[in-house]
Amino acid sequence: MSSGVFDKLINSLNKVAEKVNSIKYIIAIKNTFAALLPVIITGAFATLFSSVIFDAENGLAQISALSFLEKFKPISSTISYFTLNFLTIYAVFLLGIEVAKLNNIKGVFPGIIAVMSYLTVNPTFFKLIQEDGSSIIVQNVLAKQYTDTKGLFLGIIVSILSIELYHWLSKQDKLKIKLPESVPATVSNSFSSLIPTIFTVAIIATIGFAIEALTGMYAFDIIYSLVQKPLEGLIQGLPGVLTLMLIAQVFWVIGIHGMQMVKPIREPLLLSAIAVNTAAFEAGEEVPNIINMPFWDIYMTFGGSGATLGLLIAIFIVGKREDYRQIAKLSFVPGIFNINEPLIYGLPIMLNPILAIPFIITPLVTGTIGYFSTLFGFAGKAVVMVPWPVPPVLNAFIATAGSIGAVITQIVCILVSILIYIPFVKIADRSAREKMDSEAA
């Protein structure tokens, strides 16, 4: 490929990236899930404490001297339940605020509007199946599927739609209630938003009612069945997660933050997958999802995007270029905490035809190893959402609630990544020597 064609390709991809990242809904969704991370991590560690420390059968509480720890299990169980099983409500609230900010609407009230709107499109009853097979309708309740991660995609749609509607209605002068200037601003603002709020919630509720009346299905059932569940199935398959990683790596190579590009797709699906795993682990049920956010971090991005911990070690083992070795020394400590921008922009990896190849290939190979190791039961499935800067080995141990198989698998992945990077480090050395020789001649 000629340099002119290559430059045109890079410019085209840059324009695509700029357009995608400038879409306000993409910005709002990314900000929302970034803000949700502390909630997910809180619930995950509450589950870890509940099972590993406070549990009388499998935790430290089974030791007679520490049996008193079991009394604290209701605390951790409650925290786990009200974090992981209410993620959709929290996401709707935060997304409402984020969309409102981008429309220059201040305050947290739009978050409340979004939550009210979302709740109105869901049924307020639940069919309870009794032991004898008969069923009864329990009224005035909200089933868990509407508050946990199953409702995320509907929540995102309703949150965006309701705030855009509220924004448009708020700009209509005829709908504003104007009070005398002597009235305090807080009171005046409340009355100004009264009619737009009523109309917004009423319109969204009417849409929800119309969908159920026309189709016999609630909006939740339609969105979950047609959109969210197929996407979850796709990302839970190895080809799906490898494709997502491939896209991220290609963008990194051309100088665009790859993780930011895939984040709007990755975060709702992989964070919901780990939330489901954590809830199942807490309930003592079979953990369903192999691929989730910790899987991505443990097996595909150790050392940072491109699994560059392997590149760092490869440079220390075989690298002879003084510039590479100096950058590797400066990048090693950040790399231990999965921060690799010094490597990506320092070596550099971006627009580097030699290092770009292993940078793209390595996480695909290590992700495949991690997937099959987990599929065959050697490595435990991740059940705890671990912050991404937690160093390799430690993050594998914590995320899988102590699976030694997961730790061994991650170590194997690191060794494989070193082996993949070594030939390309040698090629880079030889390329630098040849360039120096030609310049000397």
Protein backbone atom coordinates (compact mmCIF):
# COMPACT_ATOMS: atom_id res chain seq x y z
CA MET A 1 0.00 0.00 0.00
CA SER A 2 1.49 3.37 -1.04
CA SER A 3 2.04 6.06 1.56
CA GLY A 4 -0.57 8.29 -0.12
CA VAL A 5 -3.27 5.62 0.06
CA PHE A 6 -2.26 4.79 3.65
CA ASP A 7 -2.50 8.46 4.64
CA LYS A 8 -5.95 8.73 3.06
CA LEU A 9 -7.08 5.62 4.97
CA ILE A 10 -5.83 7.05 8.27
CA ASN A 11 -7.50 10.40 7.58
CA SER A 12 -10.80 8.65 6.77
CA LEU A 13 -10.67 6.60 9.98
CA ASN A 14 -9.79 9.72 11.95
CA LYS A 15 -12.84 11.48 10.56
CA VAL A 16 -15.03 8.50 11.48
CA ALA A 17 -13.60 8.49 15.00
CA GLU A 18 -14.15 12.22 15.40
CA LYS A 19 -17.76 11.97 14.23
CA VAL A 20 -18.51 9.02 16.52
CA ASN A 21 -16.89 10.63 19.55
CA SER A 22 -18.69 13.92 18.90
CA ILE A 23 -22.16 12.36 19.07
CA LYS A 24 -23.54 13.69 22.33
CA TYR A 25 -25.33 10.45 23.21
CA ILE A 26 -22.05 8.53 22.88
CA ILE A 27 -20.39 11.07 25.17
CA ALA A 28 -23.25 10.81 27.67
CA ILE A 29 -23.23 6.99 27.70
CA LYS A 30 -19.44 6.86 28.21
CA ASN A 31 -19.65 9.36 31.08
CA THR A 32 -22.53 7.45 32.65
CA PHE A 33 -20.77 4.09 32.75
CA ALA A 34 -17.57 5.68 33.96
CA ALA A 35 -19.56 7.13 36.86
CA LEU A 36 -21.19 3.74 37.51
CA LEU A 37 -17.90 1.90 38.05
CA PRO A 38 -17.70 2.69 41.80
CA VAL A 39 -21.21 1.28 42.23
CA ILE A 40 -20.31 -1.97 40.47
CA ILE A 41 -17.02 -2.32 42.32
CA THR A 42 -18.73 -1.66 45.67
CA GLY A 43 -21.26 -4.41 44.96
CA ALA A 44 -18.56 -6.77 43.74
CA PHE A 45 -16.42 -6.40 46.85
CA ALA A 46 -19.48 -6.72 49.07
CA THR A 47 -20.15 -10.06 47.36
CA LEU A 48 -16.52 -11.09 47.78
CA PHE A 49 -16.63 -10.36 51.50
CA SER A 50 -19.99 -12.10 51.80
CA SER A 51 -18.71 -15.31 50.23
CA VAL A 52 -15.05 -15.40 51.25
CA ILE A 53 -15.18 -13.95 54.76
CA PHE A 54 -18.72 -13.96 56.18
CA ASP A 55 -19.95 -17.26 54.74
CA ALA A 56 -20.17 -20.12 57.27
CA GLU A 57 -19.76 -22.87 54.66
CA ASN A 58 -17.01 -21.60 52.34
CA GLY A 59 -15.59 -18.50 54.01
CA LEU A 60 -13.50 -17.66 57.04
CA ALA A 61 -16.63 -17.89 59.18
CA GLN A 62 -16.43 -21.69 58.93
CA ILE A 63 -13.48 -21.54 61.34
CA SER A 64 -14.92 -21.91 64.83
CA ALA A 65 -12.87 -19.05 66.25
CA LEU A 66 -14.18 -16.76 63.51
CA SER A 67 -17.77 -17.97 63.43
CA PHE A 68 -18.94 -14.58 64.69
CA LEU A 69 -18.19 -13.20 61.21
CA GLU A 70 -21.34 -14.86 59.88
CA LYS A 71 -23.41 -12.27 61.74
CA PHE A 72 -22.08 -9.60 59.39
CA LYS A 73 -23.16 -11.38 56.20
CA PRO A 74 -26.55 -9.60 56.00
CA ILE A 75 -24.69 -6.29 55.73
CA SER A 76 -22.60 -7.34 52.73
CA SER A 77 -25.55 -9.15 51.14
CA THR A 78 -27.69 -6.02 51.39
CA ILE A 79 -24.97 -3.86 49.83
CA SER A 80 -24.53 -6.38 47.03
CA TYR A 81 -28.26 -6.53 46.30
CA PHE A 82 -28.90 -2.78 46.24
CA THR A 83 -25.90 -2.06 44.03
CA LEU A 84 -25.90 -4.79 41.39
CA ASN A 85 -29.65 -5.33 41.18
CA PHE A 86 -30.45 -1.64 40.73
CA LEU A 87 -27.85 -0.78 38.08
CA THR A 88 -30.46 0.17 35.48
CA ILE A 89 -32.08 2.70 37.81
CA TYR A 90 -28.72 4.28 38.62
CA ALA A 91 -27.75 4.29 34.93
CA VAL A 92 -31.02 5.93 33.88
CA PHE A 93 -30.62 8.62 36.54
CA LEU A 94 -27.01 9.41 35.64
CA LEU A 95 -27.63 9.29 31.89
CA GLY A 96 -30.53 11.70 32.28
CA ILE A 97 -28.20 14.17 33.97
CA GLU A 98 -25.47 13.68 31.35
CA VAL A 99 -27.84 14.21 28.40
CA ALA A 100 -29.28 17.28 30.15
CA LYS A 101 -25.77 18.72 30.64
CA LEU A 102 -25.11 18.42 26.91
CA ASN A 103 -28.36 20.33 26.35
CA ASN A 104 -27.20 23.02 28.80
CA ILE A 105 -29.72 22.01 31.45
CA LYS A 106 -28.18 22.19 34.90
CA GLY A 107 -28.98 20.28 38.07
CA VAL A 108 -29.98 16.70 38.89
CA PHE A 109 -33.72 17.05 38.28
CA PRO A 110 -33.45 15.65 34.71
CA GLY A 111 -32.18 12.43 36.28
CA ILE A 112 -35.43 12.18 38.23
CA ILE A 113 -37.44 12.83 35.07
CA ALA A 114 -35.56 10.03 33.31
CA VAL A 115 -36.20 7.58 36.16
CA MET A 116 -39.90 8.49 36.35
CA SER A 117 -40.23 8.06 32.59
CA TYR A 118 -38.46 4.69 32.64
CA LEU A 119 -40.61 3.37 35.47
CA THR A 120 -43.83 4.33 33.69
CA VAL A 121 -43.15 2.02 30.73
CA ASN A 122 -42.77 -1.05 32.95
CA PRO A 123 -45.54 -3.11 34.56
CA THR A 124 -46.23 -2.73 38.28
CA PHE A 125 -47.26 -6.32 38.88
CA PHE A 126 -45.53 -9.67 39.00
CA LYS A 127 -46.86 -13.18 38.35
CA LEU A 128 -45.79 -15.41 41.23
CA ILE A 129 -45.76 -19.16 40.61
CA GLN A 130 -46.61 -21.12 43.77
CA GLU A 131 -45.37 -24.58 44.76
CA ASP A 132 -48.60 -26.24 43.61
CA GLY A 133 -48.16 -24.78 40.12
CA SER A 134 -50.86 -22.14 40.46
CA SER A 135 -50.04 -18.47 40.01
CA ILE A 136 -51.10 -15.26 41.68
CA ILE A 137 -50.64 -11.67 40.56
CA VAL A 138 -48.73 -9.52 43.03
CA GLN A 139 -49.69 -5.88 42.52
CA ASN A 140 -47.77 -2.63 43.10
CA VAL A 141 -44.29 -4.12 42.77
CA LEU A 142 -41.43 -3.69 40.31
CA ALA A 143 -39.84 -6.97 39.24
CA LYS A 144 -36.06 -7.28 39.50
CA GLN A 145 -35.58 -7.69 35.76
CA TYR A 146 -36.61 -4.05 35.29
CA THR A 147 -33.99 -2.74 37.72
CA ASP A 148 -31.02 -5.04 37.15
CA THR A 149 -28.87 -5.15 34.02
CA LYS A 150 -31.57 -6.69 31.82
CA GLY A 151 -33.24 -3.29 31.58
CA LEU A 152 -30.11 -1.35 30.59
CA PHE A 153 -30.81 -0.87 26.90
CA LEU A 154 -34.45 0.12 27.42
CA GLY A 155 -33.27 2.44 30.20
CA ILE A 156 -30.75 4.09 27.86
CA ILE A 157 -33.39 4.63 25.17
CA VAL A 158 -36.02 6.00 27.55
CA SER A 159 -33.53 8.22 29.37
CA ILE A 160 -32.32 9.86 26.15
CA LEU A 161 -35.81 10.17 24.69
CA SER A 162 -37.35 11.64 27.85
CA ILE A 163 -34.64 14.27 28.37
CA GLU A 164 -34.70 15.35 24.72
CA LEU A 165 -38.47 15.67 24.95
CA TYR A 166 -38.22 17.59 28.22
CA HIS A 167 -35.59 19.89 26.68
CA TRP A 168 -37.80 20.65 23.70
CA LEU A 169 -40.87 21.26 25.85
CA SER A 170 -38.89 23.52 28.20
CA LYS A 171 -38.10 25.84 25.30
CA GLN A 172 -41.79 26.38 24.50
CA ASP A 173 -42.78 29.74 26.03
CA LYS A 174 -46.45 28.81 26.10
CA LEU A 175 -45.70 25.99 28.54
CA LYS A 176 -43.79 28.13 31.02
CA ILE A 177 -45.41 29.33 34.23
CA LYS A 178 -44.05 32.80 34.86
CA LEU A 179 -44.01 34.12 38.41
CA PRO A 180 -43.24 37.63 39.70
CA GLU A 181 -39.55 38.54 40.07
CA SER A 182 -40.00 38.72 43.83
CA VAL A 183 -40.43 34.94 43.95
CA PRO A 184 -37.16 33.11 44.81
CA ALA A 185 -35.34 31.62 41.80
CA THR A 186 -35.58 28.05 43.13
CA VAL A 187 -39.38 28.31 43.39
CA SER A 188 -39.67 30.02 40.00
CA ASN A 189 -37.53 27.35 38.31
CA SER A 190 -39.63 24.59 39.83
CA PHE A 191 -42.83 26.07 38.43
CA SER A 192 -41.17 26.67 35.03
CA SER A 193 -40.34 22.97 34.76
CA LEU A 194 -43.74 21.80 36.04
CA ILE A 195 -45.67 21.58 32.76
CA PRO A 196 -42.72 20.18 30.70
CA THR A 197 -42.26 17.52 33.38
CA ILE A 198 -45.93 16.54 33.37
CA PHE A 199 -46.03 16.39 29.58
CA THR A 200 -42.76 14.43 29.33
CA VAL A 201 -43.74 11.72 31.79
CA ALA A 202 -47.30 11.53 30.41
CA ILE A 203 -46.09 11.17 26.80
CA ILE A 204 -43.52 8.48 27.65
CA ALA A 205 -46.11 6.61 29.72
CA THR A 206 -48.58 6.82 26.83
CA ILE A 207 -45.99 5.43 24.42
CA GLY A 208 -45.37 2.53 26.80
CA PHE A 209 -49.12 1.91 27.10
CA ALA A 210 -49.58 2.03 23.31
CA ILE A 211 -46.74 -0.45 22.73
CA GLU A 212 -48.32 -2.95 25.14
CA ALA A 213 -51.81 -2.40 23.72
CA LEU A 214 -50.72 -2.87 20.11
CA THR A 215 -48.24 -5.73 20.52
CA GLY A 216 -49.27 -7.46 23.73
CA MET A 217 -45.68 -7.03 24.90
CA TYR A 218 -44.10 -4.42 27.12
CA ALA A 219 -41.30 -2.25 25.77
CA PHE A 220 -38.87 -4.12 28.03
CA ASP A 221 -39.70 -7.48 26.41
CA ILE A 222 -39.28 -6.07 22.90
CA ILE A 223 -35.97 -4.26 23.50
CA TYR A 224 -34.46 -7.06 25.56
CA SER A 225 -35.46 -9.77 23.09
CA LEU A 226 -34.62 -7.93 19.87
CA VAL A 227 -31.63 -5.79 20.89
CA GLN A 228 -29.97 -6.49 24.22
CA LYS A 229 -30.13 -10.28 24.35
CA PRO A 230 -28.71 -10.78 20.81
CA LEU A 231 -25.89 -8.33 21.57
CA GLU A 232 -25.14 -10.12 24.84
CA GLY A 233 -25.07 -13.42 22.98
CA LEU A 234 -22.72 -11.97 20.37
CA ILE A 235 -20.27 -10.54 22.89
CA GLN A 236 -20.36 -13.72 24.98
CA GLY A 237 -19.02 -15.66 21.99
CA LEU A 238 -15.29 -15.61 21.33
CA PRO A 239 -15.63 -14.13 17.79
CA GLY A 240 -17.64 -11.20 19.15
CA VAL A 241 -15.18 -10.13 21.84
CA LEU A 242 -12.19 -10.67 19.51
CA THR A 243 -13.83 -8.47 16.87
CA LEU A 244 -14.42 -5.74 19.44
CA MET A 245 -10.78 -5.96 20.54
CA LEU A 246 -9.56 -5.95 16.92
CA ILE A 247 -11.45 -2.72 16.23
CA ALA A 248 -9.97 -1.12 19.35
CA GLN A 249 -6.43 -2.15 18.41
CA VAL A 250 -6.69 -0.89 14.83
CA PHE A 251 -7.79 2.52 16.10
CA TRP A 252 -4.91 2.57 18.59
CA VAL A 253 -2.43 1.88 15.80
CA ILE A 254 -3.60 4.89 13.79
CA GLY A 255 -3.30 7.15 16.83
CA ILE A 256 -6.88 7.11 18.17
CA HIS A 257 -7.71 5.92 21.69
CA GLY A 258 -9.15 2.53 20.78
CA MET A 259 -10.83 1.83 24.09
CA GLN A 260 -12.78 5.08 23.86
CA MET A 261 -14.03 4.02 20.43
CA VAL A 262 -15.47 0.69 21.61
CA LYS A 263 -16.49 1.88 25.08
CA PRO A 264 -20.15 2.69 24.27
CA ILE A 265 -20.64 -0.91 23.11
CA ARG A 266 -18.26 -2.62 25.52
CA GLU A 267 -19.31 -1.01 28.80
CA PRO A 268 -23.07 -1.79 28.88
CA LEU A 269 -22.50 -5.39 27.79
CA LEU A 270 -19.36 -6.37 29.73
CA LEU A 271 -20.26 -4.48 32.91
CA SER A 272 -23.73 -6.04 32.93
CA ALA A 273 -22.13 -9.46 32.39
CA ILE A 274 -19.92 -9.13 35.48
CA ALA A 275 -22.87 -7.78 37.48
CA VAL A 276 -24.87 -10.90 36.57
CA ASN A 277 -21.92 -13.11 37.55
CA THR A 278 -21.54 -11.36 40.89
CA ALA A 279 -25.23 -11.69 41.68
CA ALA A 280 -25.17 -15.41 40.78
CA PHE A 281 -22.07 -15.97 42.89
CA GLU A 282 -23.69 -14.21 45.85
CA ALA A 283 -26.82 -16.36 45.46
CA GLY A 284 -24.80 -19.59 45.27
CA GLU A 285 -25.95 -20.20 41.69
CA GLU A 286 -23.94 -21.23 38.64
CA VAL A 287 -21.92 -18.30 37.29
CA PRO A 288 -23.03 -17.87 33.64
CA ASN A 289 -20.71 -15.50 31.77
CA ILE A 290 -17.15 -16.29 30.68
CA ILE A 291 -16.64 -12.93 28.99
CA ASN A 292 -17.08 -9.81 31.08
CA MET A 293 -15.14 -6.70 32.04
CA PRO A 294 -12.55 -8.46 34.26
CA PHE A 295 -12.00 -11.09 31.53
CA TRP A 296 -11.09 -8.26 29.16
CA ASP A 297 -8.66 -6.80 31.71
CA ILE A 298 -7.11 -10.07 32.90
CA TYR A 299 -6.47 -11.85 29.62
CA MET A 300 -6.45 -9.16 26.92
CA THR A 301 -5.09 -5.90 28.35
CA PHE A 302 -2.52 -6.83 31.01
CA GLY A 303 0.03 -4.03 30.99
CA GLY A 304 -2.46 -1.95 28.99
CA SER A 305 -3.99 -2.18 25.52
CA GLY A 306 -2.13 -4.67 23.34
CA ALA A 307 -1.08 -6.73 26.39
CA THR A 308 2.09 -4.64 26.38
CA LEU A 309 3.48 -6.09 29.59
CA GLY A 310 4.81 -8.74 27.21
CA LEU A 311 6.41 -6.05 25.05
CA LEU A 312 8.13 -4.46 28.05
CA ILE A 313 9.62 -7.78 29.15
CA ALA A 314 10.58 -8.65 25.57
CA ILE A 315 12.54 -5.39 25.28
CA PHE A 316 14.37 -6.14 28.53
CA ILE A 317 15.21 -9.67 27.34
CA VAL A 318 16.31 -9.14 23.73
CA GLY A 319 16.08 -5.43 22.98
CA LYS A 320 19.35 -3.72 22.06
CA ARG A 321 18.04 -0.34 20.92
CA GLU A 322 18.99 2.16 23.58
CA ASP A 323 15.92 4.34 22.92
CA TYR A 324 13.58 1.34 23.35
CA ARG A 325 15.29 0.26 26.56
CA GLN A 326 15.12 3.75 28.06
CA ILE A 327 11.44 4.12 27.21
CA ALA A 328 10.79 0.60 28.58
CA LYS A 329 12.47 1.53 31.88
CA LEU A 330 10.33 4.65 32.17
CA SER A 331 7.19 2.71 31.21
CA PHE A 332 7.65 -0.34 33.43
CA VAL A 333 6.08 0.99 36.64
CA PRO A 334 3.04 2.47 34.85
CA GLY A 335 2.83 -0.78 32.87
CA ILE A 336 2.54 -2.82 36.06
CA PHE A 337 -0.64 -0.81 36.73
CA ASN A 338 -1.89 -1.34 33.16
CA ILE A 339 -1.04 2.17 31.95
CA ASN A 340 0.84 2.06 28.66
CA GLU A 341 0.45 5.45 26.97
CA PRO A 342 4.23 6.07 27.46
CA LEU A 343 4.88 2.96 25.33
CA ILE A 344 2.22 3.62 22.72
CA TYR A 345 3.32 7.20 22.10
CA GLY A 346 6.97 6.84 23.17
CA LEU A 347 8.33 3.94 21.11
CA PRO A 348 5.93 4.62 19.31
CA ILE A 349 3.54 1.77 18.58
CA MET A 350 1.05 3.92 16.66
CA LEU A 351 1.87 4.17 12.94
CA ASN A 352 4.74 1.74 13.53
CA PRO A 353 4.40 -1.05 10.92
CA ILE A 354 6.70 -3.38 12.89
CA LEU A 355 5.23 -3.17 16.40
CA ALA A 356 1.65 -2.64 15.19
CA ILE A 357 1.44 -6.30 14.10
CA PRO A 358 2.05 -7.93 17.53
CA PHE A 359 0.12 -5.10 19.20
CA ILE A 360 -2.98 -6.15 17.26
CA ILE A 361 -2.39 -9.91 17.35
CA THR A 362 -1.33 -10.46 20.97
CA PRO A 363 -4.62 -9.68 22.79
CA LEU A 364 -6.51 -11.80 20.27
CA VAL A 365 -4.26 -14.79 21.04
CA THR A 366 -4.23 -14.30 24.82
CA GLY A 367 -7.99 -13.69 24.88
CA THR A 368 -8.49 -17.00 23.04
CA ILE A 369 -6.28 -18.78 25.60
CA GLY A 370 -8.21 -17.23 28.49
CA TYR A 371 -11.55 -18.12 26.91
CA PHE A 372 -10.82 -21.82 26.38
CA SER A 373 -9.11 -22.16 29.76
CA THR A 374 -12.28 -20.81 31.39
CA LEU A 375 -14.59 -22.79 29.09
CA PHE A 376 -12.91 -26.07 30.04
CA GLY A 377 -13.06 -25.21 33.75
CA PHE A 378 -9.35 -24.79 34.43
CA ALA A 379 -9.71 -21.08 35.16
CA GLY A 380 -12.57 -19.80 37.28
CA LYS A 381 -15.04 -17.30 35.84
CA ALA A 382 -14.67 -13.73 37.02
CA VAL A 383 -17.19 -12.78 39.71
CA VAL A 384 -15.68 -9.59 41.14
CA MET A 385 -15.31 -6.30 39.29
CA VAL A 386 -11.72 -5.28 39.94
CA PRO A 387 -10.48 -1.73 39.16
CA TRP A 388 -8.47 -1.84 35.92
CA PRO A 389 -5.21 -0.46 37.45
CA VAL A 390 -4.87 -3.51 39.75
CA PRO A 391 -1.64 -5.29 38.65
CA PRO A 392 -1.67 -8.59 36.73
CA VAL A 393 -1.79 -11.83 38.75
CA LEU A 394 -3.41 -9.96 41.65
CA ASN A 395 -6.33 -8.90 39.48
CA ALA A 396 -6.82 -12.47 38.24
CA PHE A 397 -6.83 -13.82 41.79
CA ILE A 398 -9.28 -11.23 43.16
CA ALA A 399 -11.62 -11.15 40.13
CA THR A 400 -12.14 -14.93 40.19
CA ALA A 401 -12.47 -15.09 44.00
CA GLY A 402 -9.21 -16.98 44.36
CA SER A 403 -9.03 -19.22 41.28
CA ILE A 404 -5.44 -20.47 41.00
CA GLY A 405 -6.30 -21.74 37.52
CA ALA A 406 -7.08 -18.18 36.44
CA VAL A 407 -3.77 -16.95 37.87
CA ILE A 408 -1.85 -19.70 36.04
CA THR A 409 -3.75 -18.96 32.82
CA GLN A 410 -2.88 -15.28 33.05
CA ILE A 411 0.78 -16.09 33.63
CA VAL A 412 0.69 -18.36 30.54
CA CYS A 413 -0.86 -15.48 28.60
CA ILE A 414 1.93 -13.15 29.72
CA LEU A 415 4.57 -15.69 28.63
CA VAL A 416 2.84 -16.13 25.26
CA SER A 417 2.72 -12.36 24.80
CA ILE A 418 6.48 -12.16 25.43
CA LEU A 419 7.10 -14.85 22.81
CA ILE A 420 4.93 -12.99 20.28
CA TYR A 421 6.66 -9.65 20.85
CA ILE A 422 10.29 -10.94 20.90
CA PRO A 423 10.70 -11.48 17.10
CA PHE A 424 9.29 -8.04 16.37
CA VAL A 425 11.58 -6.37 18.92
CA LYS A 426 14.50 -8.06 17.13
CA ILE A 427 13.21 -6.86 13.76
CA ALA A 428 12.95 -3.32 15.13
CA ASP A 429 16.55 -3.59 16.37
CA ARG A 430 17.76 -4.79 12.98
CA SER A 431 15.80 -2.08 11.19
CA ALA A 432 17.42 0.59 13.39
CA ARG A 433 20.92 -0.82 12.76
CA GLU A 434 20.39 -0.93 9.00
CA LYS A 435 19.18 2.66 9.04
CA MET A 436 22.24 3.77 11.03
CA ASP A 437 24.55 1.87 8.66
CA SER A 438 22.96 3.43 5.59
CA GLU A 439 23.23 6.91 7.09
CA ALA A 440 26.89 6.27 8.04
CA ALA A 441 27.63 5.14 4.50
